[in-house]
Amino acid sequence: MNLPVWVWAVTIGGFLVMIAFDFYLVARNPRDPSFRECVGWVSFYVLAAVVFGFVIMGTQGTTYGGQFFAGWLTEYSLSVDNLFVFVIIMSRFAVPIKYRQKVLLIGIVLALLMRAVFIAAGAQAITRFDWLFYIFGAFLIYTAIKLVGPQHEDEFSENVALRTMKRVLPTTDGYRGSSVFARVDGRMMVTPMLIVMIAIGTTDLLFALDSIPAIFGLTQEPYLVFTANTFALMGLRQLYFLIGGLLDRLVYLSKGLAIILAFIGVKLVMEALHHDGVSWAPEVPIAVSLGVILGTLVITTVASLAVSRREQRERPTAATVGTEAETSGTPDPVAAERDKV
């Protein structure tokens, strides 16, 4: 893709306008957004990404358009998985509900800035060192194997940057509204709000170690990598409040992501072998990649919701059976009503 500088400038400017408007909305009325509001904004960002993809398809060709859609869907699905950890961070630091929007927004902006550095470095490295595809592919396959194993979503490990920040900076005992700095007895201190923002930003940076190699396995165009990542993160704030209660029901999400990452990892290795002259190694068309990603996400989501719905139907029955077994054959109407509730 031979894009002039002004295309990059307009694209980045458009994203900055959307981020600034997001900041305006959060600063004007810090609160827990309504379900209807979240649906509207998530729909807007998804529609914007779809329209952008069709624009790429119309101006640059179906191959590049397919690469954008495959990369965006992969990054978006990985972002949904990241919400599990965001929920844990918010709960662990006891962030007031009305300030969670600001924390998420600033954390997302930090993640965007850090990912931009990752993308620029990755694009330069790939153009000079083709053998990196083997490393990226092996890393994605290793990550997929880890996702298949037992998950511990209820745990959160503080990374080195966060531990260092908490040890070096003097921190107030509690929150001071939405402020990140506060003066206590004449001494300037940081509030837990700053610590949470750093936790969100640096944790998402660690997630980029998976997502950046994954999208480079689908496209090596820096413009597509950047826009797919940005669109995947733009609606993450509203998505957090929209599906926060749905995350526990996506029981097979990690398995689906493992399949996607493993597929992209194998694709990277095969294409690297193909470029090195290995005749039996095929090049995987982007249409096949897009089909595998879409199919895996649809099957994973439908299976997860079906299992969760079945468990919800069976849970009251099991509770009632257990209660009746403990009452020596004499039903207790109070206990039965309690179990029903």
Protein backbone atom coordinates (compact mmCIF):
# COMPACT_ATOMS: atom_id res chain seq x y z
CA MET A 1 0.00 0.00 0.00
CA ASN A 2 1.57 3.23 -1.19
CA LEU A 3 -0.31 5.76 0.90
CA PRO A 4 0.58 9.46 0.94
CA VAL A 5 1.39 11.19 4.20
CA TRP A 6 -1.92 13.06 4.23
CA VAL A 7 -3.85 9.77 4.48
CA TRP A 8 -1.95 8.91 7.65
CA ALA A 9 -2.51 12.44 8.96
CA VAL A 10 -6.27 12.35 8.29
CA THR A 11 -6.60 8.89 9.83
CA ILE A 12 -4.70 9.78 13.00
CA GLY A 13 -6.55 13.11 13.20
CA GLY A 14 -9.90 11.33 12.98
CA PHE A 15 -8.96 8.95 15.79
CA LEU A 16 -7.76 11.88 17.93
CA VAL A 17 -11.10 13.66 17.42
CA MET A 18 -13.01 10.58 18.55
CA ILE A 19 -10.77 10.16 21.61
CA ALA A 20 -11.13 13.87 22.49
CA PHE A 21 -14.92 13.60 22.22
CA ASP A 22 -14.82 10.52 24.45
CA PHE A 23 -12.82 12.47 27.04
CA TYR A 24 -15.37 15.31 26.84
CA LEU A 25 -18.28 12.95 27.50
CA VAL A 26 -16.54 11.28 30.45
CA ALA A 27 -15.36 14.55 32.02
CA ARG A 28 -18.75 16.22 31.61
CA ASN A 29 -20.73 13.53 33.40
CA PRO A 30 -18.73 10.81 35.23
CA ARG A 31 -21.15 7.96 35.88
CA ASP A 32 -22.03 4.37 35.15
CA PRO A 33 -23.32 4.51 31.53
CA SER A 34 -26.71 3.07 30.68
CA PHE A 35 -27.17 -0.11 28.68
CA ARG A 36 -28.78 1.80 25.81
CA GLU A 37 -25.89 4.27 25.67
CA CYS A 38 -23.30 1.48 25.57
CA VAL A 39 -25.18 -0.35 22.81
CA GLY A 40 -25.29 2.85 20.77
CA TRP A 41 -21.58 3.61 21.07
CA VAL A 42 -20.41 0.03 20.52
CA SER A 43 -22.63 -0.16 17.44
CA PHE A 44 -21.18 3.14 16.19
CA TYR A 45 -17.56 1.96 16.53
CA VAL A 46 -18.32 -1.41 14.95
CA LEU A 47 -20.14 0.28 12.07
CA ALA A 48 -17.26 2.74 11.65
CA ALA A 49 -14.78 -0.15 11.43
CA VAL A 50 -16.96 -1.99 8.89
CA VAL A 51 -17.33 1.15 6.74
CA PHE A 52 -13.58 1.75 6.95
CA GLY A 53 -12.94 -1.83 5.85
CA PHE A 54 -15.18 -1.42 2.82
CA VAL A 55 -13.43 1.84 1.96
CA ILE A 56 -10.10 -0.01 2.03
CA MET A 57 -11.63 -2.75 -0.09
CA GLY A 58 -12.94 -0.25 -2.63
CA THR A 59 -9.78 1.86 -2.88
CA GLN A 60 -7.00 -0.68 -2.31
CA GLY A 61 -8.55 -3.97 -3.40
CA THR A 62 -10.27 -6.94 -1.79
CA THR A 63 -7.01 -8.45 -0.53
CA TYR A 64 -6.17 -5.48 1.66
CA GLY A 65 -9.80 -5.13 2.69
CA GLY A 66 -9.88 -8.78 3.75
CA GLN A 67 -6.62 -8.31 5.66
CA PHE A 68 -8.13 -5.40 7.59
CA PHE A 69 -11.28 -7.32 8.50
CA ALA A 70 -9.29 -10.40 9.56
CA GLY A 71 -6.94 -8.29 11.67
CA TRP A 72 -9.73 -6.22 13.21
CA LEU A 73 -11.80 -9.30 14.14
CA THR A 74 -8.75 -10.96 15.70
CA GLU A 75 -7.79 -7.85 17.67
CA TYR A 76 -11.39 -7.27 18.74
CA SER A 77 -11.80 -10.82 20.01
CA LEU A 78 -8.51 -10.55 21.91
CA SER A 79 -9.70 -7.23 23.38
CA VAL A 80 -12.87 -8.91 24.66
CA ASP A 81 -10.70 -11.52 26.36
CA ASN A 82 -8.67 -8.69 27.90
CA LEU A 83 -11.83 -7.37 29.55
CA PHE A 84 -11.67 -10.30 31.97
CA VAL A 85 -8.48 -8.86 33.44
CA PHE A 86 -9.84 -5.29 33.39
CA VAL A 87 -12.80 -6.44 35.50
CA ILE A 88 -10.40 -8.04 37.99
CA ILE A 89 -8.23 -4.90 38.17
CA MET A 90 -11.24 -2.67 38.79
CA SER A 91 -12.49 -4.98 41.54
CA ARG A 92 -9.09 -5.41 43.18
CA PHE A 93 -8.45 -1.67 43.43
CA ALA A 94 -12.09 -0.97 44.38
CA VAL A 95 -12.51 1.75 41.76
CA PRO A 96 -15.74 3.73 42.30
CA ILE A 97 -18.23 2.90 39.56
CA LYS A 98 -18.69 6.46 38.34
CA TYR A 99 -14.93 6.85 37.74
CA ARG A 100 -14.37 3.58 35.90
CA GLN A 101 -15.05 5.19 32.53
CA LYS A 102 -12.18 7.63 33.01
CA VAL A 103 -9.81 4.89 34.15
CA LEU A 104 -10.63 2.74 31.13
CA LEU A 105 -10.36 5.64 28.69
CA ILE A 106 -6.95 6.79 29.89
CA GLY A 107 -5.72 3.21 30.07
CA ILE A 108 -6.85 2.65 26.48
CA VAL A 109 -5.08 5.82 25.31
CA LEU A 110 -1.87 4.67 27.02
CA ALA A 111 -2.24 1.28 25.35
CA LEU A 112 -2.72 2.92 21.94
CA LEU A 113 0.44 4.99 22.35
CA MET A 114 2.49 1.98 23.45
CA ARG A 115 1.07 -0.24 20.70
CA ALA A 116 1.96 2.40 18.10
CA VAL A 117 5.59 2.05 19.19
CA PHE A 118 5.28 -1.76 19.00
CA ILE A 119 3.77 -1.58 15.52
CA ALA A 120 6.44 0.78 14.19
CA ALA A 121 9.23 -1.37 15.63
CA GLY A 122 7.62 -4.57 14.40
CA ALA A 123 7.12 -3.24 10.88
CA GLN A 124 10.75 -2.17 10.64
CA ALA A 125 12.00 -5.46 12.06
CA ILE A 126 9.91 -7.60 9.70
CA THR A 127 11.13 -5.76 6.61
CA ARG A 128 14.74 -6.43 7.61
CA PHE A 129 14.58 -9.81 9.34
CA ASP A 130 12.31 -12.34 7.62
CA TRP A 131 13.26 -15.02 10.14
CA LEU A 132 11.14 -13.18 12.74
CA PHE A 133 8.11 -14.88 11.21
CA TYR A 134 9.35 -18.19 12.62
CA ILE A 135 9.66 -16.66 16.09
CA PHE A 136 6.24 -14.97 15.86
CA GLY A 137 4.65 -18.19 14.67
CA ALA A 138 6.22 -20.31 17.41
CA PHE A 139 5.22 -17.74 20.05
CA LEU A 140 1.60 -17.71 18.89
CA ILE A 141 1.44 -21.51 18.93
CA TYR A 142 2.92 -21.50 22.45
CA THR A 143 0.34 -18.91 23.55
CA ALA A 144 -2.45 -21.02 22.07
CA ILE A 145 -1.28 -24.06 24.04
CA LYS A 146 -1.31 -21.99 27.24
CA LEU A 147 -4.87 -20.83 26.52
CA VAL A 148 -6.07 -24.40 26.14
CA GLY A 149 -4.78 -25.23 29.64
CA PRO A 150 -6.56 -24.32 32.89
CA GLN A 151 -7.29 -20.61 33.22
CA HIS A 152 -7.22 -18.54 36.41
CA GLU A 153 -9.25 -15.45 35.54
CA ASP A 154 -9.77 -14.64 39.21
CA GLU A 155 -6.08 -13.88 39.69
CA PHE A 156 -4.16 -10.78 38.75
CA SER A 157 -0.37 -10.56 38.94
CA GLU A 158 1.12 -7.11 39.24
CA ASN A 159 3.78 -6.54 36.60
CA VAL A 160 7.21 -5.05 37.25
CA ALA A 161 6.24 -1.53 36.15
CA LEU A 162 3.24 -1.44 38.49
CA ARG A 163 5.17 -2.80 41.49
CA THR A 164 7.95 -0.26 40.91
CA MET A 165 5.45 2.59 40.63
CA LYS A 166 3.71 1.63 43.87
CA ARG A 167 7.03 1.33 45.68
CA VAL A 168 8.58 4.58 44.44
CA LEU A 169 5.64 7.01 44.43
CA PRO A 170 3.95 8.13 47.67
CA THR A 171 0.30 7.12 47.44
CA THR A 172 -2.75 8.36 49.33
CA ASP A 173 -4.79 5.95 51.42
CA GLY A 174 -7.96 6.39 49.35
CA TYR A 175 -9.36 7.95 46.22
CA ARG A 176 -9.65 11.73 45.88
CA GLY A 177 -12.50 11.86 43.40
CA SER A 178 -11.15 11.31 39.89
CA SER A 179 -7.88 13.14 40.59
CA VAL A 180 -4.59 11.35 40.02
CA PHE A 181 -2.64 13.75 42.28
CA ALA A 182 -3.50 15.15 45.69
CA ARG A 183 -1.72 17.33 48.26
CA VAL A 184 -1.71 15.81 51.76
CA ASP A 185 -0.14 17.82 54.62
CA GLY A 186 1.71 19.94 52.08
CA ARG A 187 3.12 16.91 50.29
CA MET A 188 2.19 16.05 46.71
CA MET A 189 1.09 12.42 46.41
CA VAL A 190 -0.47 10.21 43.76
CA THR A 191 -3.87 8.62 44.29
CA PRO A 192 -4.85 4.99 43.63
CA MET A 193 -6.52 6.32 40.45
CA LEU A 194 -3.09 6.73 38.82
CA ILE A 195 -2.03 3.25 39.94
CA VAL A 196 -5.14 1.73 38.36
CA MET A 197 -4.56 3.59 35.09
CA ILE A 198 -0.99 2.33 34.99
CA ALA A 199 -2.22 -1.19 35.73
CA ILE A 200 -4.71 -1.03 32.84
CA GLY A 201 -2.20 0.47 30.40
CA THR A 202 0.74 -1.80 31.19
CA THR A 203 -1.44 -4.91 31.32
CA ASP A 204 -2.79 -4.11 27.87
CA LEU A 205 0.79 -3.62 26.70
CA LEU A 206 1.54 -7.17 27.85
CA PHE A 207 -1.49 -8.34 25.87
CA ALA A 208 0.07 -6.66 22.83
CA LEU A 209 2.81 -9.30 22.95
CA ASP A 210 0.14 -11.71 21.68
CA SER A 211 -1.97 -9.43 19.51
CA ILE A 212 0.76 -7.62 17.55
CA PRO A 213 2.42 -10.84 16.27
CA ALA A 214 -1.06 -12.20 15.53
CA ILE A 215 -2.06 -9.32 13.29
CA PHE A 216 1.35 -9.26 11.59
CA GLY A 217 0.57 -12.85 10.70
CA LEU A 218 -2.46 -11.59 8.76
CA THR A 219 -1.03 -8.45 7.19
CA GLN A 220 2.36 -6.76 7.05
CA GLU A 221 0.91 -3.37 6.13
CA PRO A 222 1.63 -0.93 9.02
CA TYR A 223 -1.43 1.17 8.11
CA LEU A 224 -3.78 -1.81 8.40
CA VAL A 225 -2.10 -3.04 11.59
CA PHE A 226 -2.45 0.39 13.18
CA THR A 227 -6.07 1.02 12.15
CA ALA A 228 -7.22 -2.51 13.07
CA ASN A 229 -5.69 -2.15 16.55
CA THR A 230 -7.15 1.30 17.04
CA PHE A 231 -10.67 0.33 15.98
CA ALA A 232 -10.47 -2.73 18.24
CA LEU A 233 -9.63 -0.55 21.26
CA MET A 234 -11.84 2.48 20.55
CA GLY A 235 -15.09 0.96 21.80
CA LEU A 236 -13.53 -1.03 24.61
CA ARG A 237 -14.72 1.41 27.30
CA GLN A 238 -18.39 1.01 26.39
CA LEU A 239 -17.94 -2.70 25.74
CA TYR A 240 -16.69 -3.12 29.32
CA PHE A 241 -20.02 -1.90 30.71
CA LEU A 242 -22.08 -3.57 28.00
CA ILE A 243 -20.90 -7.17 28.38
CA GLY A 244 -19.38 -7.05 31.88
CA GLY A 245 -22.06 -9.47 33.06
CA LEU A 246 -21.78 -11.56 29.90
CA LEU A 247 -18.07 -12.33 30.23
CA ASP A 248 -18.64 -15.17 32.68
CA ARG A 249 -20.93 -16.82 30.12
CA LEU A 250 -18.30 -16.87 27.35
CA VAL A 251 -16.81 -20.06 28.75
CA TYR A 252 -15.24 -21.18 25.46
CA LEU A 253 -13.77 -17.81 24.46
CA SER A 254 -10.23 -18.73 25.46
CA LYS A 255 -10.50 -22.01 23.51
CA GLY A 256 -11.67 -20.14 20.43
CA LEU A 257 -8.82 -17.65 20.75
CA ALA A 258 -6.41 -20.56 21.11
CA ILE A 259 -7.63 -21.97 17.79
CA ILE A 260 -7.27 -18.57 16.09
CA LEU A 261 -3.78 -17.93 17.46
CA ALA A 262 -2.63 -21.45 16.62
CA PHE A 263 -3.98 -21.09 13.08
CA ILE A 264 -2.18 -17.75 12.58
CA GLY A 265 1.01 -19.20 14.09
CA VAL A 266 0.99 -22.14 11.68
CA LYS A 267 0.13 -19.77 8.83
CA LEU A 268 3.16 -17.61 9.66
CA VAL A 269 5.52 -20.58 9.72
CA MET A 270 4.10 -22.02 6.47
CA GLU A 271 4.38 -18.73 4.62
CA ALA A 272 7.91 -18.16 5.92
CA LEU A 273 8.89 -21.62 4.63
CA HIS A 274 7.19 -20.87 1.32
CA HIS A 275 9.15 -17.64 0.92
CA ASP A 276 12.35 -19.55 1.74
CA GLY A 277 11.73 -21.87 -1.21
CA VAL A 278 10.12 -24.88 0.51
CA SER A 279 7.84 -26.27 -2.21
CA TRP A 280 5.36 -28.14 0.01
CA ALA A 281 4.66 -25.12 2.26
CA PRO A 282 1.53 -23.29 1.00
CA GLU A 283 0.55 -19.65 1.16
CA VAL A 284 -2.75 -19.32 2.99
CA PRO A 285 -5.18 -16.94 1.19
CA ILE A 286 -6.65 -14.15 3.28
CA ALA A 287 -10.16 -15.43 2.46
CA VAL A 288 -9.32 -18.70 4.23
CA SER A 289 -7.93 -16.79 7.24
CA LEU A 290 -11.05 -14.63 7.45
CA GLY A 291 -13.29 -17.69 7.21
CA VAL A 292 -11.43 -19.53 9.99
CA ILE A 293 -11.54 -16.48 12.29
CA LEU A 294 -15.23 -15.74 11.68
CA GLY A 295 -16.27 -19.38 11.93
CA THR A 296 -14.34 -19.93 15.16
CA LEU A 297 -15.79 -16.82 16.80
CA VAL A 298 -19.36 -17.70 15.82
CA ILE A 299 -19.10 -21.31 16.96
CA THR A 300 -17.35 -20.31 20.20
CA THR A 301 -19.97 -17.69 21.07
CA VAL A 302 -22.97 -19.88 20.24
CA ALA A 303 -21.56 -22.87 22.15
CA SER A 304 -20.70 -20.71 25.18
CA LEU A 305 -24.16 -19.15 25.41
CA ALA A 306 -25.84 -22.54 24.91
CA VAL A 307 -23.85 -24.13 27.74
CA SER A 308 -24.43 -21.16 30.05
CA ARG A 309 -28.18 -21.21 29.34
CA ARG A 310 -28.35 -24.94 30.07
CA GLU A 311 -26.44 -24.52 33.34
CA GLN A 312 -28.79 -21.74 34.42
CA ARG A 313 -31.79 -23.99 33.79
CA GLU A 314 -30.27 -26.93 35.69
CA ARG A 315 -28.99 -24.95 38.69
CA PRO A 316 -32.38 -24.37 40.44
CA THR A 317 -33.33 -28.02 39.89
CA ALA A 318 -30.09 -29.23 41.48
CA ALA A 319 -30.53 -26.86 44.42
CA THR A 320 -34.09 -28.09 45.02
CA VAL A 321 -33.04 -31.75 44.87
CA GLY A 322 -30.22 -31.10 47.34
CA THR A 323 -32.55 -29.31 49.73
CA GLU A 324 -35.13 -32.09 49.68
CA ALA A 325 -32.44 -34.70 50.30
CA GLU A 326 -31.30 -32.89 53.41
CA THR A 327 -34.80 -32.65 54.92
CA SER A 328 -35.23 -36.44 55.38
CA GLY A 329 -38.13 -36.56 52.96
CA THR A 330 -40.06 -33.68 54.55
CA PRO A 331 -40.08 -30.64 52.29
CA ASP A 332 -39.32 -27.36 54.01
CA PRO A 333 -41.38 -24.63 52.29
CA VAL A 334 -39.12 -21.86 53.64
CA ALA A 335 -35.96 -23.54 52.40
CA ALA A 336 -37.58 -24.36 49.06
CA GLU A 337 -38.61 -20.74 48.58
CA ARG A 338 -35.12 -19.57 49.53
CA ASP A 339 -33.52 -21.94 47.00
CA LYS A 340 -36.00 -20.80 44.36
CA VAL A 341 -35.03 -17.17 44.92
